[in-house]
Structures are given as C-alpha cells and as structure tokens.
Amino acid sequence: MKYKRILFGQGKGSITHNNRTFIANNVDRNRIANNVTFISIPIGEVYEELFGGAVERYNARQKRNDRKIHGTYYEHLFHCKPSNSVITASDKRKSFYEDIV
C-alpha cells in the first residue's frame, strides 16, 4: 500500500513579507494585482483571541498580585509590544512559527 507524505519546513517568519506590504526589486509589478490574502489578523489580536480567556481564568485564581499577568499575554511572554517579525524570548521561545507546506 502506498502512503502519501506531506513535507514542510519552518521559515524565519515575517508577517510584513507574507502580506506583501512592500514591493521588492525583483517583483513583476504587473502581477501584484493577483496577490491574494486569505486571512490577515494582527498577531496581538490573535494572542488575545487564543489566550485571553485563559489569562483571565489564571488571574482570577491568583491571590498574590505579583503572580498575575499584567497587560497582554504577548507582552508577558516577550516583554514588548506585538511585532510583524518573529520575536525570540530569552528561553528561545518564538512569538510565531511560519510553516511552509
């Protein structure tokens, strides 16, 4: 029996590059109109959508103020505002991964 495989890699990740918000020198400008963006949501909003409820539940259980997560979860993890580029935390955790299939 034959099995099909899908191979994919992880790229460096750049939201600005993926959304084509800039035009590089090697781009055929006549084909720009053919670019399609399926979904474009700022990374800060995605973190809030995915982890906002969990952060609220976590903070509700904490009795000590120093254990609560202040601000957004993204800022808590990476100590900066959301960015269009991959941010790497001190423990090598990345703000997002780009999977190329």
PDB file of N, CA and C in Angstrom:
ATOM      1  N   MET A   1       0.836  -1.173   0.000  1.00  0.00           N
ATOM      2  CA  MET A   1       0.000   0.000   0.000  1.00  0.00           C
ATOM      3  C   MET A   1       0.885   1.242   0.000  1.00  0.00           C
ATOM      4  N   LYS A   2       0.547   2.215  -0.855  1.00  0.00           N
ATOM      5  CA  LYS A   2       1.336   3.435  -0.943  1.00  0.00           C
ATOM      6  C   LYS A   2       0.774   4.486   0.001  1.00  0.00           C
ATOM      7  N   TYR A   3       1.682   5.191   0.621  1.00  0.00           N
ATOM      8  CA  TYR A   3       1.310   6.276   1.509  1.00  0.00           C
ATOM      9  C   TYR A   3       1.753   7.588   0.898  1.00  0.00           C
ATOM     10  N   LYS A   4       0.942   8.601   1.039  1.00  0.00           N
ATOM     11  CA  LYS A   4       1.314   9.932   0.596  1.00  0.00           C
ATOM     12  C   LYS A   4       1.897  10.685   1.780  1.00  0.00           C
ATOM     13  N   ARG A   5       2.887  11.506   1.495  1.00  0.00           N
ATOM     14  CA  ARG A   5       3.518  12.280   2.546  1.00  0.00           C
ATOM     15  C   ARG A   5       3.457  13.752   2.204  1.00  0.00           C
ATOM     16  N   ILE A   6       3.368  14.547   3.214  1.00  0.00           N
ATOM     17  CA  ILE A   6       3.464  15.989   3.049  1.00  0.00           C
ATOM     18  C   ILE A   6       4.687  16.435   3.825  1.00  0.00           C
ATOM     19  N   LEU A   7       5.587  17.085   3.142  1.00  0.00           N
ATOM     20  CA  LEU A   7       6.780  17.604   3.785  1.00  0.00           C
ATOM     21  C   LEU A   7       6.621  19.108   3.941  1.00  0.00           C
ATOM     22  N   PHE A   8       7.067  19.623   5.051  1.00  0.00           N
ATOM     23  CA  PHE A   8       7.020  21.066   5.234  1.00  0.00           C
ATOM     24  C   PHE A   8       8.188  21.497   6.095  1.00  0.00           C
ATOM     25  N   GLY A   9       8.509  22.750   5.967  1.00  0.00           N
ATOM     26  CA  GLY A   9       9.597  23.312   6.742  1.00  0.00           C
ATOM     27  C   GLY A   9       9.114  24.516   7.518  1.00  0.00           C
ATOM     28  N   GLN A  10       9.951  24.978   8.422  1.00  0.00           N
ATOM     29  CA  GLN A  10       9.614  26.179   9.175  1.00  0.00           C
ATOM     30  C   GLN A  10      10.530  27.298   8.702  1.00  0.00           C
ATOM     31  N   GLY A  11       9.910  28.371   8.220  1.00  0.00           N
ATOM     32  CA  GLY A  11      10.665  29.522   7.752  1.00  0.00           C
ATOM     33  C   GLY A  11      10.964  30.471   8.898  1.00  0.00           C
ATOM     34  N   LYS A  12      11.713  31.523   8.591  1.00  0.00           N
ATOM     35  CA  LYS A  12      12.056  32.516   9.602  1.00  0.00           C
ATOM     36  C   LYS A  12      10.828  33.278  10.069  1.00  0.00           C
ATOM     37  N   GLY A  13       9.906  33.530   9.162  1.00  0.00           N
ATOM     38  CA  GLY A  13       8.657  34.182   9.523  1.00  0.00           C
ATOM     39  C   GLY A  13       8.745  35.695   9.495  1.00  0.00           C
ATOM     40  N   SER A  14       7.944  36.311   8.666  1.00  0.00           N
ATOM     41  CA  SER A  14       7.826  37.763   8.609  1.00  0.00           C
ATOM     42  C   SER A  14       6.432  38.090   8.099  1.00  0.00           C
ATOM     43  N   ILE A  15       5.610  38.660   8.959  1.00  0.00           N
ATOM     44  CA  ILE A  15       4.246  38.982   8.570  1.00  0.00           C
ATOM     45  C   ILE A  15       4.252  40.030   7.466  1.00  0.00           C
ATOM     46  N   THR A  16       5.163  40.978   7.536  1.00  0.00           N
ATOM     47  CA  THR A  16       5.250  42.014   6.510  1.00  0.00           C
ATOM     48  C   THR A  16       5.539  41.400   5.149  1.00  0.00           C
ATOM     49  N   HIS A  17       6.428  40.435   5.096  1.00  0.00           N
ATOM     50  CA  HIS A  17       6.758  39.766   3.835  1.00  0.00           C
ATOM     51  C   HIS A  17       5.564  38.957   3.330  1.00  0.00           C
ATOM     52  N   ASN A  18       4.932  38.214   4.212  1.00  0.00           N
ATOM     53  CA  ASN A  18       3.821  37.354   3.800  1.00  0.00           C
ATOM     54  C   ASN A  18       2.619  38.143   3.313  1.00  0.00           C
ATOM     55  N   ASN A  19       2.365  39.310   3.899  1.00  0.00           N
ATOM     56  CA  ASN A  19       1.238  40.136   3.479  1.00  0.00           C
ATOM     57  C   ASN A  19       1.582  40.995   2.269  1.00  0.00           C
ATOM     58  N   ARG A  20       2.820  40.955   1.833  1.00  0.00           N
ATOM     59  CA  ARG A  20       3.277  41.714   0.668  1.00  0.00           C
ATOM     60  C   ARG A  20       2.997  43.209   0.831  1.00  0.00           C
ATOM     61  N   THR A  21       3.287  43.740   2.012  1.00  0.00           N
ATOM     62  CA  THR A  21       3.079  45.163   2.242  1.00  0.00           C
ATOM     63  C   THR A  21       4.227  45.996   1.688  1.00  0.00           C
ATOM     64  N   PHE A  22       5.234  45.359   1.149  1.00  0.00           N
ATOM     65  CA  PHE A  22       6.322  46.071   0.485  1.00  0.00           C
ATOM     66  C   PHE A  22       6.520  45.440  -0.883  1.00  0.00           C
ATOM     67  N   ILE A  23       7.183  46.149  -1.761  1.00  0.00           N
ATOM     68  CA  ILE A  23       7.439  45.632  -3.106  1.00  0.00           C
ATOM     69  C   ILE A  23       8.951  45.563  -3.301  1.00  0.00           C
ATOM     70  N   ALA A  24       9.466  44.349  -3.408  1.00  0.00           N
ATOM     71  CA  ALA A  24      10.903  44.145  -3.611  1.00  0.00           C
ATOM     72  C   ALA A  24      11.276  44.462  -5.061  1.00  0.00           C
ATOM     73  N   ASN A  25      12.559  44.643  -5.298  1.00  0.00           N
ATOM     74  CA  ASN A  25      13.052  44.988  -6.631  1.00  0.00           C
ATOM     75  C   ASN A  25      12.820  43.888  -7.664  1.00  0.00           C
ATOM     76  N   ASN A  26      12.762  42.634  -7.225  1.00  0.00           N
ATOM     77  CA  ASN A  26      12.631  41.526  -8.167  1.00  0.00           C
ATOM     78  C   ASN A  26      11.178  41.124  -8.436  1.00  0.00           C
ATOM     79  N   VAL A  27      10.229  41.972  -8.069  1.00  0.00           N
ATOM     80  CA  VAL A  27       8.810  41.662  -8.237  1.00  0.00           C
ATOM     81  C   VAL A  27       8.309  42.237  -9.557  1.00  0.00           C
ATOM     82  N   ASP A  28       7.547  41.428 -10.284  1.00  0.00           N
ATOM     83  CA  ASP A  28       6.890  41.889 -11.504  1.00  0.00           C
ATOM     84  C   ASP A  28       5.651  42.674 -11.080  1.00  0.00           C
ATOM     85  N   ARG A  29       5.710  43.978 -11.225  1.00  0.00           N
ATOM     86  CA  ARG A  29       4.629  44.852 -10.747  1.00  0.00           C
ATOM     87  C   ARG A  29       3.310  44.605 -11.475  1.00  0.00           C
ATOM     88  N   ASN A  30       3.349  44.030 -12.650  1.00  0.00           N
ATOM     89  CA  ASN A  30       2.122  43.739 -13.387  1.00  0.00           C
ATOM     90  C   ASN A  30       1.324  42.607 -12.753  1.00  0.00           C
ATOM     91  N   ARG A  31       1.974  41.806 -11.920  1.00  0.00           N
ATOM     92  CA  ARG A  31       1.298  40.651 -11.318  1.00  0.00           C
ATOM     93  C   ARG A  31       0.862  40.900  -9.874  1.00  0.00           C
ATOM     94  N   ILE A  32       1.111  42.093  -9.356  1.00  0.00           N
ATOM     95  CA  ILE A  32       0.755  42.396  -7.965  1.00  0.00           C
ATOM     96  C   ILE A  32      -0.750  42.271  -7.745  1.00  0.00           C
ATOM     97  N   ALA A  33      -1.530  42.613  -8.735  1.00  0.00           N
ATOM     98  CA  ALA A  33      -2.993  42.530  -8.600  1.00  0.00           C
ATOM     99  C   ALA A  33      -3.465  41.098  -8.363  1.00  0.00           C
ATOM    100  N   ASN A  34      -2.643  40.102  -8.679  1.00  0.00           N
ATOM    101  CA  ASN A  34      -3.014  38.703  -8.496  1.00  0.00           C
ATOM    102  C   ASN A  34      -2.759  38.188  -7.075  1.00  0.00           C
ATOM    103  N   ASN A  35      -2.113  38.978  -6.229  1.00  0.00           N
ATOM    104  CA  ASN A  35      -1.855  38.558  -4.856  1.00  0.00           C
ATOM    105  C   ASN A  35      -3.170  38.399  -4.110  1.00  0.00           C
ATOM    106  N   VAL A  36      -3.276  37.352  -3.331  1.00  0.00           N
ATOM    107  CA  VAL A  36      -4.477  37.077  -2.560  1.00  0.00           C
ATOM    108  C   VAL A  36      -4.081  36.896  -1.100  1.00  0.00           C
ATOM    109  N   THR A  37      -4.781  37.598  -0.211  1.00  0.00           N
ATOM    110  CA  THR A  37      -4.582  37.425   1.222  1.00  0.00           C
ATOM    111  C   THR A  37      -5.822  36.729   1.766  1.00  0.00           C
ATOM    112  N   PHE A  38      -5.652  35.528   2.295  1.00  0.00           N
ATOM    113  CA  PHE A  38      -6.790  34.770   2.812  1.00  0.00           C
ATOM    114  C   PHE A  38      -7.226  35.301   4.172  1.00  0.00           C
ATOM    115  N   ILE A  39      -6.265  35.440   5.076  1.00  0.00           N
ATOM    116  CA  ILE A  39      -6.555  35.942   6.419  1.00  0.00           C
ATOM    117  C   ILE A  39      -5.401  36.847   6.835  1.00  0.00           C
ATOM    118  N   SER A  40      -5.738  37.996   7.366  1.00  0.00           N
ATOM    119  CA  SER A  40      -4.709  38.908   7.864  1.00  0.00           C
ATOM    120  C   SER A  40      -5.194  39.500   9.180  1.00  0.00           C
ATOM    121  N   ILE A  41      -4.709  38.946  10.274  1.00  0.00           N
ATOM    122  CA  ILE A  41      -5.093  39.401  11.609  1.00  0.00           C
ATOM    123  C   ILE A  41      -3.812  39.778  12.347  1.00  0.00           C
ATOM    124  N   PRO A  42      -3.755  40.958  12.966  1.00  0.00           N
ATOM    125  CA  PRO A  42      -2.559  41.329  13.732  1.00  0.00           C
ATOM    126  C   PRO A  42      -2.257  40.299  14.820  1.00  0.00           C
ATOM    127  N   ILE A  43      -0.989  40.027  15.032  1.00  0.00           N
ATOM    128  CA  ILE A  43      -0.588  38.949  15.944  1.00  0.00           C
ATOM    129  C   ILE A  43      -1.038  39.209  17.379  1.00  0.00           C
ATOM    130  N   GLY A  44      -1.090  40.473  17.786  1.00  0.00           N
ATOM    131  CA  GLY A  44      -1.569  40.789  19.129  1.00  0.00           C
ATOM    132  C   GLY A  44      -3.019  40.388  19.328  1.00  0.00           C
ATOM    133  N   GLU A  45      -3.844  40.597  18.295  1.00  0.00           N
ATOM    134  CA  GLU A  45      -5.258  40.198  18.365  1.00  0.00           C
ATOM    135  C   GLU A  45      -5.409  38.683  18.411  1.00  0.00           C
ATOM    136  N   VAL A  46      -4.564  37.975  17.695  1.00  0.00           N
ATOM    137  CA  VAL A  46      -4.629  36.510  17.693  1.00  0.00           C
ATOM    138  C   VAL A  46      -4.261  35.964  19.068  1.00  0.00           C
ATOM    139  N   TYR A  47      -3.199  36.516  19.680  1.00  0.00           N
ATOM    140  CA  TYR A  47      -2.824  36.080  21.028  1.00  0.00           C
ATOM    141  C   TYR A  47      -3.977  36.333  22.003  1.00  0.00           C
ATOM    142  N   GLU A  48      -4.644  37.499  21.875  1.00  0.00           N
ATOM    143  CA  GLU A  48      -5.763  37.811  22.774  1.00  0.00           C
ATOM    144  C   GLU A  48      -6.910  36.838  22.551  1.00  0.00           C
ATOM    145  N   GLU A  49      -7.208  36.534  21.302  1.00  0.00           N
ATOM    146  CA  GLU A  49      -8.294  35.606  20.987  1.00  0.00           C
ATOM    147  C   GLU A  49      -8.006  34.204  21.517  1.00  0.00           C
ATOM    148  N   LEU A  50      -6.764  33.748  21.348  1.00  0.00           N
ATOM    149  CA  LEU A  50      -6.415  32.391  21.755  1.00  0.00           C
ATOM    150  C   LEU A  50      -6.192  32.246  23.259  1.00  0.00           C
ATOM    151  N   PHE A  51      -5.552  33.241  23.879  1.00  0.00           N
ATOM    152  CA  PHE A  51      -5.107  33.091  25.262  1.00  0.00           C
ATOM    153  C   PHE A  51      -5.791  34.036  26.248  1.00  0.00           C
ATOM    154  N   GLY A  52      -6.617  34.969  25.761  1.00  0.00           N
ATOM    155  CA  GLY A  52      -7.239  35.965  26.644  1.00  0.00           C
ATOM    156  C   GLY A  52      -8.081  35.340  27.741  1.00  0.00           C
ATOM    157  N   GLY A  53      -8.906  34.384  27.387  1.00  0.00           N
ATOM    158  CA  GLY A  53      -9.753  33.722  28.383  1.00  0.00           C
ATOM    159  C   GLY A  53      -8.934  32.956  29.417  1.00  0.00           C
ATOM    160  N   ALA A  54      -7.883  32.293  28.957  1.00  0.00           N
ATOM    161  CA  ALA A  54      -7.024  31.528  29.876  1.00  0.00           C
ATOM    162  C   ALA A  54      -6.306  32.466  30.847  1.00  0.00           C
ATOM    163  N   VAL A  55      -5.881  33.628  30.355  1.00  0.00           N
ATOM    164  CA  VAL A  55      -5.212  34.603  31.230  1.00  0.00           C
ATOM    165  C   VAL A  55      -6.186  35.119  32.284  1.00  0.00           C
ATOM    166  N   GLU A  56      -7.429  35.394  31.894  1.00  0.00           N
ATOM    167  CA  GLU A  56      -8.436  35.852  32.856  1.00  0.00           C
ATOM    168  C   GLU A  56      -8.696  34.801  33.930  1.00  0.00           C
ATOM    169  N   ARG A  57      -8.833  33.543  33.518  1.00  0.00           N
ATOM    170  CA  ARG A  57      -9.048  32.463  34.492  1.00  0.00           C
ATOM    171  C   ARG A  57      -7.837  32.306  35.413  1.00  0.00           C
ATOM    172  N   TYR A  58      -6.640  32.407  34.844  1.00  0.00           N
ATOM    173  CA  TYR A  58      -5.408  32.295  35.630  1.00  0.00           C
ATOM    174  C   TYR A  58      -5.346  33.412  36.666  1.00  0.00           C
ATOM    175  N   ASN A  59      -5.587  34.656  36.217  1.00  0.00           N
ATOM    176  CA  ASN A  59      -5.523  35.791  37.137  1.00  0.00           C
ATOM    177  C   ASN A  59      -6.581  35.714  38.222  1.00  0.00           C
ATOM    178  N   ALA A  60      -7.751  35.169  37.914  1.00  0.00           N
ATOM    179  CA  ALA A  60      -8.819  35.043  38.907  1.00  0.00           C
ATOM    180  C   ALA A  60      -8.431  34.086  40.036  1.00  0.00           C
ATOM    181  N   ARG A  61      -7.613  33.088  39.743  1.00  0.00           N
ATOM    182  CA  ARG A  61      -7.191  32.112  40.759  1.00  0.00           C
ATOM    183  C   ARG A  61      -6.053  32.626  41.624  1.00  0.00           C
ATOM    184  N   GLN A  62      -5.319  33.626  41.147  1.00  0.00           N
ATOM    185  CA  GLN A  62      -4.133  34.093  41.874  1.00  0.00           C
ATOM    186  C   GLN A  62      -4.526  35.016  43.012  1.00  0.00           C
ATOM    187  N   LYS A  63      -3.948  34.763  44.171  1.00  0.00           N
ATOM    188  CA  LYS A  63      -4.203  35.617  45.323  1.00  0.00           C
ATOM    189  C   LYS A  63      -3.123  36.678  45.466  1.00  0.00           C
ATOM    190  N   ARG A  64      -1.926  36.351  45.033  1.00  0.00           N
ATOM    191  CA  ARG A  64      -0.817  37.311  45.106  1.00  0.00           C
ATOM    192  C   ARG A  64      -0.759  38.116  43.807  1.00  0.00           C
ATOM    193  N   ASN A  65      -0.666  39.427  43.944  1.00  0.00           N
ATOM    194  CA  ASN A  65      -0.662  40.319  42.794  1.00  0.00           C
ATOM    195  C   ASN A  65       0.576  40.121  41.910  1.00  0.00           C
ATOM    196  N   ASP A  66       1.695  39.723  42.517  1.00  0.00           N
ATOM    197  CA  ASP A  66       2.925  39.560  41.726  1.00  0.00           C
ATOM    198  C   ASP A  66       2.880  38.330  40.818  1.00  0.00           C
ATOM    199  N   ARG A  67       1.926  37.436  41.039  1.00  0.00           N
ATOM    200  CA  ARG A  67       1.791  36.260  40.174  1.00  0.00           C
ATOM    201  C   ARG A  67       0.826  36.474  39.018  1.00  0.00           C
ATOM    202  N   LYS A  68       0.081  37.568  39.044  1.00  0.00           N
ATOM    203  CA  LYS A  68      -0.878  37.839  37.981  1.00  0.00           C
ATOM    204  C   LYS A  68      -0.162  38.309  36.720  1.00  0.00           C
ATOM    205  N   ILE A  69      -0.786  38.062  35.592  1.00  0.00           N
ATOM    206  CA  ILE A  69      -0.255  38.521  34.307  1.00  0.00           C
ATOM    207  C   ILE A  69      -0.850  39.894  34.047  1.00  0.00           C
ATOM    208  N   HIS A  70      -0.001  40.907  34.034  1.00  0.00           N
ATOM    209  CA  HIS A  70      -0.429  42.281  33.792  1.00  0.00           C
ATOM    210  C   HIS A  70      -0.188  42.603  32.330  1.00  0.00           C
ATOM    211  N   GLY A  71      -1.157  43.243  31.707  1.00  0.00           N
ATOM    212  CA  GLY A  71      -1.044  43.528  30.278  1.00  0.00           C
ATOM    213  C   GLY A  71      -1.485  42.316  29.476  1.00  0.00           C
ATOM    214  N   THR A  72      -1.041  42.238  28.232  1.00  0.00           N
ATOM    215  CA  THR A  72      -1.428  41.125  27.369  1.00  0.00           C
ATOM    216  C   THR A  72      -0.486  39.947  27.561  1.00  0.00           C
ATOM    217  N   TYR A  73      -0.932  38.799  27.126  1.00  0.00           N
ATOM    218  CA  TYR A  73      -0.108  37.591  27.239  1.00  0.00           C
ATOM    219  C   TYR A  73       1.140  37.705  26.370  1.00  0.00           C
ATOM    220  N   TYR A  74       1.012  38.305  25.191  1.00  0.00           N
ATOM    221  CA  TYR A  74       2.162  38.501  24.304  1.00  0.00           C
ATOM    222  C   TYR A  74       3.227  39.337  25.012  1.00  0.00           C
ATOM    223  N   GLU A  75       2.817  40.451  25.623  1.00  0.00           N
ATOM    224  CA  GLU A  75       3.765  41.309  26.340  1.00  0.00           C
ATOM    225  C   GLU A  75       4.366  40.586  27.534  1.00  0.00           C
ATOM    226  N   HIS A  76       3.582  39.741  28.187  1.00  0.00           N
ATOM    227  CA  HIS A  76       4.081  38.965  29.318  1.00  0.00           C
ATOM    228  C   HIS A  76       5.196  38.002  28.878  1.00  0.00           C
ATOM    229  N   LEU A  77       5.003  37.367  27.723  1.00  0.00           N
ATOM    230  CA  LEU A  77       5.986  36.392  27.246  1.00  0.00           C
ATOM    231  C   LEU A  77       7.241  37.038  26.665  1.00  0.00           C
ATOM    232  N   PHE A  78       7.055  38.111  25.894  1.00  0.00           N
ATOM    233  CA  PHE A  78       8.168  38.652  25.104  1.00  0.00           C
ATOM    234  C   PHE A  78       8.620  40.037  25.539  1.00  0.00           C
ATOM    235  N   HIS A  79       7.981  40.616  26.542  1.00  0.00           N
ATOM    236  CA  HIS A  79       8.379  41.902  27.117  1.00  0.00           C
ATOM    237  C   HIS A  79       8.468  43.019  26.089  1.00  0.00           C
ATOM    238  N   CYS A  80       7.554  43.013  25.116  1.00  0.00           N
ATOM    239  CA  CYS A  80       7.486  44.086  24.120  1.00  0.00           C
ATOM    240  C   CYS A  80       6.110  44.058  23.471  1.00  0.00           C
ATOM    241  N   LYS A  81       5.805  45.101  22.735  1.00  0.00           N
ATOM    242  CA  LYS A  81       4.541  45.171  22.003  1.00  0.00           C
ATOM    243  C   LYS A  81       4.577  44.184  20.838  1.00  0.00           C
ATOM    244  N   PRO A  82       3.428  43.717  20.350  1.00  0.00           N
ATOM    245  CA  PRO A  82       3.406  42.792  19.207  1.00  0.00           C
ATOM    246  C   PRO A  82       4.112  43.385  17.989  1.00  0.00           C
ATOM    247  N   SER A  83       4.823  42.509  17.276  1.00  0.00           N
ATOM    248  CA  SER A  83       5.651  42.926  16.152  1.00  0.00           C
ATOM    249  C   SER A  83       5.323  42.091  14.924  1.00  0.00           C
ATOM    250  N   ASN A  84       5.646  42.600  13.741  1.00  0.00           N
ATOM    251  CA  ASN A  84       5.438  41.862  12.496  1.00  0.00           C
ATOM    252  C   ASN A  84       6.559  40.878  12.210  1.00  0.00           C
ATOM    253  N   SER A  85       7.576  40.858  13.032  1.00  0.00           N
ATOM    254  CA  SER A  85       8.673  39.918  12.871  1.00  0.00           C
ATOM    255  C   SER A  85       8.678  38.950  14.041  1.00  0.00           C
ATOM    256  N   VAL A  86       9.366  37.847  13.870  1.00  0.00           N
ATOM    257  CA  VAL A  86       9.457  36.850  14.939  1.00  0.00           C
ATOM    258  C   VAL A  86      10.294  37.412  16.083  1.00  0.00           C
ATOM    259  N   ILE A  87       9.758  37.340  17.283  1.00  0.00           N
ATOM    260  CA  ILE A  87      10.478  37.745  18.486  1.00  0.00           C
ATOM    261  C   ILE A  87      10.873  36.466  19.209  1.00  0.00           C
ATOM    262  N   THR A  88      12.113  36.389  19.654  1.00  0.00           N
ATOM    263  CA  THR A  88      12.584  35.226  20.394  1.00  0.00           C
ATOM    264  C   THR A  88      12.798  35.621  21.847  1.00  0.00           C
ATOM    265  N   ALA A  89      12.172  34.901  22.748  1.00  0.00           N
ATOM    266  CA  ALA A  89      12.306  35.164  24.179  1.00  0.00           C
ATOM    267  C   ALA A  89      13.648  34.641  24.669  1.00  0.00           C
ATOM    268  N   SER A  90      13.981  34.973  25.917  1.00  0.00           N
ATOM    269  CA  SER A  90      15.261  34.560  26.485  1.00  0.00           C
ATOM    270  C   SER A  90      15.397  33.040  26.563  1.00  0.00           C
ATOM    271  N   ASP A  91      14.266  32.326  26.652  1.00  0.00           N
ATOM    272  CA  ASP A  91      14.319  30.865  26.719  1.00  0.00           C
ATOM    273  C   ASP A  91      14.146  30.227  25.338  1.00  0.00           C
ATOM    274  N   LYS A  92      14.396  31.000  24.270  1.00  0.00           N
ATOM    275  CA  LYS A  92      14.384  30.556  22.866  1.00  0.00           C
ATOM    276  C   LYS A  92      12.981  30.280  22.322  1.00  0.00           C
ATOM    277  N   ARG A  93      11.934  30.638  23.064  1.00  0.00           N
ATOM    278  CA  ARG A  93      10.563  30.510  22.591  1.00  0.00           C
ATOM    279  C   ARG A  93      10.319  31.615  21.570  1.00  0.00           C
ATOM    280  N   LYS A  94       9.614  31.312  20.482  1.00  0.00           N
ATOM    281  CA  LYS A  94       9.362  32.295  19.432  1.00  0.00           C
ATOM    282  C   LYS A  94       7.916  32.758  19.459  1.00  0.00           C
ATOM    283  N   SER A  95       7.703  33.989  19.003  1.00  0.00           N
ATOM    284  CA  SER A  95       6.362  34.572  19.041  1.00  0.00           C
ATOM    285  C   SER A  95       5.422  33.898  18.046  1.00  0.00           C
ATOM    286  N   PHE A  96       5.935  33.418  16.918  1.00  0.00           N
ATOM    287  CA  PHE A  96       5.144  32.626  15.993  1.00  0.00           C
ATOM    288  C   PHE A  96       6.063  31.825  15.109  1.00  0.00           C
ATOM    289  N   TYR A  97       5.514  30.789  14.513  1.00  0.00           N
ATOM    290  CA  TYR A  97       6.248  29.940  13.595  1.00  0.00           C
ATOM    291  C   TYR A  97       5.567  29.994  12.242  1.00  0.00           C
ATOM    292  N   GLU A  98       6.358  30.016  11.219  1.00  0.00           N
ATOM    293  CA  GLU A  98       5.809  30.008   9.862  1.00  0.00           C
ATOM    294  C   GLU A  98       6.048  28.626   9.272  1.00  0.00           C
ATOM    295  N   ASP A  99       4.959  27.907   9.001  1.00  0.00           N
ATOM    296  CA  ASP A  99       5.068  26.587   8.403  1.00  0.00           C
ATOM    297  C   ASP A  99       4.811  26.703   6.910  1.00  0.00           C
ATOM    298  N   ILE A 100       5.720  26.185   6.134  1.00  0.00           N
ATOM    299  CA  ILE A 100       5.634  26.242   4.681  1.00  0.00           C
ATOM    300  C   ILE A 100       5.331  24.853   4.178  1.00  0.00           C
ATOM    301  N   VAL A 101       4.153  24.675   3.575  1.00  0.00           N
ATOM    302  CA  VAL A 101       3.741  23.358   3.090  1.00  0.00           C
ATOM    303  C   VAL A 101       3.738  23.368   1.576  1.00  0.00           C
TER     304      VAL A 101
END
